[in-house]
Amino acid sequence: MTAKGARSVRAIVSHGVMSGVASERICESALTEIAFTDSIPYELSKCPKVKVLSIAEMFADTIYRVQEHKSISEQYLL
């Protein structure tokens, strides 16, 4: 991809299952960065290309909406 002129290559994943040699493969790949949520624990020191995004605020909002009998589906609509 970068050989064809791309300045960077990035991936965005909802649930990064980084088991086994996945971290090594990401580190050795052409990816500039991969981002995924903290829905599955990941040790950041395994690969500097990984960016983990917190979903804590989303969960807190969902809990609030349930307690207040509000729609939770509308928070996921774009």
Protein backbone atom coordinates (compact mmCIF):
# COMPACT_ATOMS: atom_id res chain seq x y z
CA MET A 1 0.00 0.00 0.00
CA THR A 2 2.73 2.47 0.88
CA ALA A 3 4.58 1.20 -2.20
CA LYS A 4 1.71 2.64 -4.26
CA GLY A 5 1.91 6.07 -2.65
CA ALA A 6 -0.08 5.83 0.58
CA ARG A 7 1.51 7.94 3.34
CA SER A 8 0.12 5.68 6.07
CA VAL A 9 -1.97 2.55 6.59
CA ARG A 10 -4.39 2.41 9.51
CA ALA A 11 -6.97 -0.09 10.74
CA ILE A 12 -9.92 0.42 13.09
CA VAL A 13 -11.43 -2.59 14.83
CA SER A 14 -14.29 -2.86 17.32
CA HIS A 15 -12.97 -5.79 19.39
CA GLY A 16 -9.27 -6.46 18.90
CA VAL A 17 -8.61 -10.13 19.66
CA MET A 18 -4.84 -9.94 19.92
CA SER A 19 -4.02 -13.49 20.93
CA GLY A 20 -0.95 -15.55 20.20
CA VAL A 21 1.45 -13.85 17.80
CA ALA A 22 -1.03 -11.14 16.72
CA SER A 23 0.95 -8.34 18.38
CA GLU A 24 4.17 -9.45 16.68
CA ARG A 25 2.44 -9.60 13.31
CA ILE A 26 0.98 -6.11 13.75
CA CYS A 27 4.38 -4.72 14.78
CA GLU A 28 6.04 -6.29 11.73
CA SER A 29 3.27 -5.25 9.32
CA ALA A 30 2.99 -2.21 7.06
CA LEU A 31 0.34 -0.76 9.38
CA THR A 32 1.13 2.66 10.78
CA GLU A 33 -1.49 2.25 13.50
CA ILE A 34 -4.33 -0.02 14.58
CA ALA A 35 -7.05 1.22 16.93
CA PHE A 36 -9.57 -0.85 18.83
CA THR A 37 -11.74 -0.61 21.92
CA ASP A 38 -10.85 -1.82 25.39
CA SER A 39 -13.75 -4.30 25.32
CA ILE A 40 -11.05 -6.99 25.38
CA PRO A 41 -8.01 -6.32 27.61
CA TYR A 42 -4.72 -5.61 25.84
CA GLU A 43 -1.25 -4.89 27.22
CA LEU A 44 -0.11 -1.76 25.37
CA SER A 45 3.57 -2.50 25.81
CA LYS A 46 3.28 -5.41 23.35
CA CYS A 47 3.11 -3.19 20.27
CA PRO A 48 3.58 0.59 19.92
CA LYS A 49 1.36 0.66 16.81
CA VAL A 50 -1.73 -0.16 18.89
CA LYS A 51 -4.07 2.56 20.15
CA VAL A 52 -6.77 1.42 22.58
CA LEU A 53 -9.95 3.49 22.80
CA SER A 54 -12.00 3.48 26.01
CA ILE A 55 -15.67 2.55 25.89
CA ALA A 56 -16.23 3.49 29.55
CA GLU A 57 -18.21 6.64 28.73
CA MET A 58 -20.47 4.70 26.35
CA PHE A 59 -21.14 2.07 29.02
CA ALA A 60 -21.83 4.77 31.63
CA ASP A 61 -24.31 6.46 29.27
CA THR A 62 -26.02 3.13 28.59
CA ILE A 63 -26.42 2.45 32.33
CA TYR A 64 -27.81 5.95 32.86
CA ARG A 65 -30.31 5.49 30.02
CA VAL A 66 -31.50 2.17 31.43
CA GLN A 67 -31.98 3.69 34.88
CA GLU A 68 -33.87 6.66 33.42
CA HIS A 69 -36.01 4.43 31.13
CA LYS A 70 -34.59 6.16 28.04
CA SER A 71 -33.73 4.68 24.66
CA ILE A 72 -30.33 3.04 24.46
CA SER A 73 -30.55 2.34 20.73
CA GLU A 74 -30.58 6.05 19.85
CA GLN A 75 -27.08 6.51 21.28
CA TYR A 76 -25.73 4.16 18.60
CA LEU A 77 -27.44 5.80 15.64
CA LEU A 78 -25.21 7.96 13.48
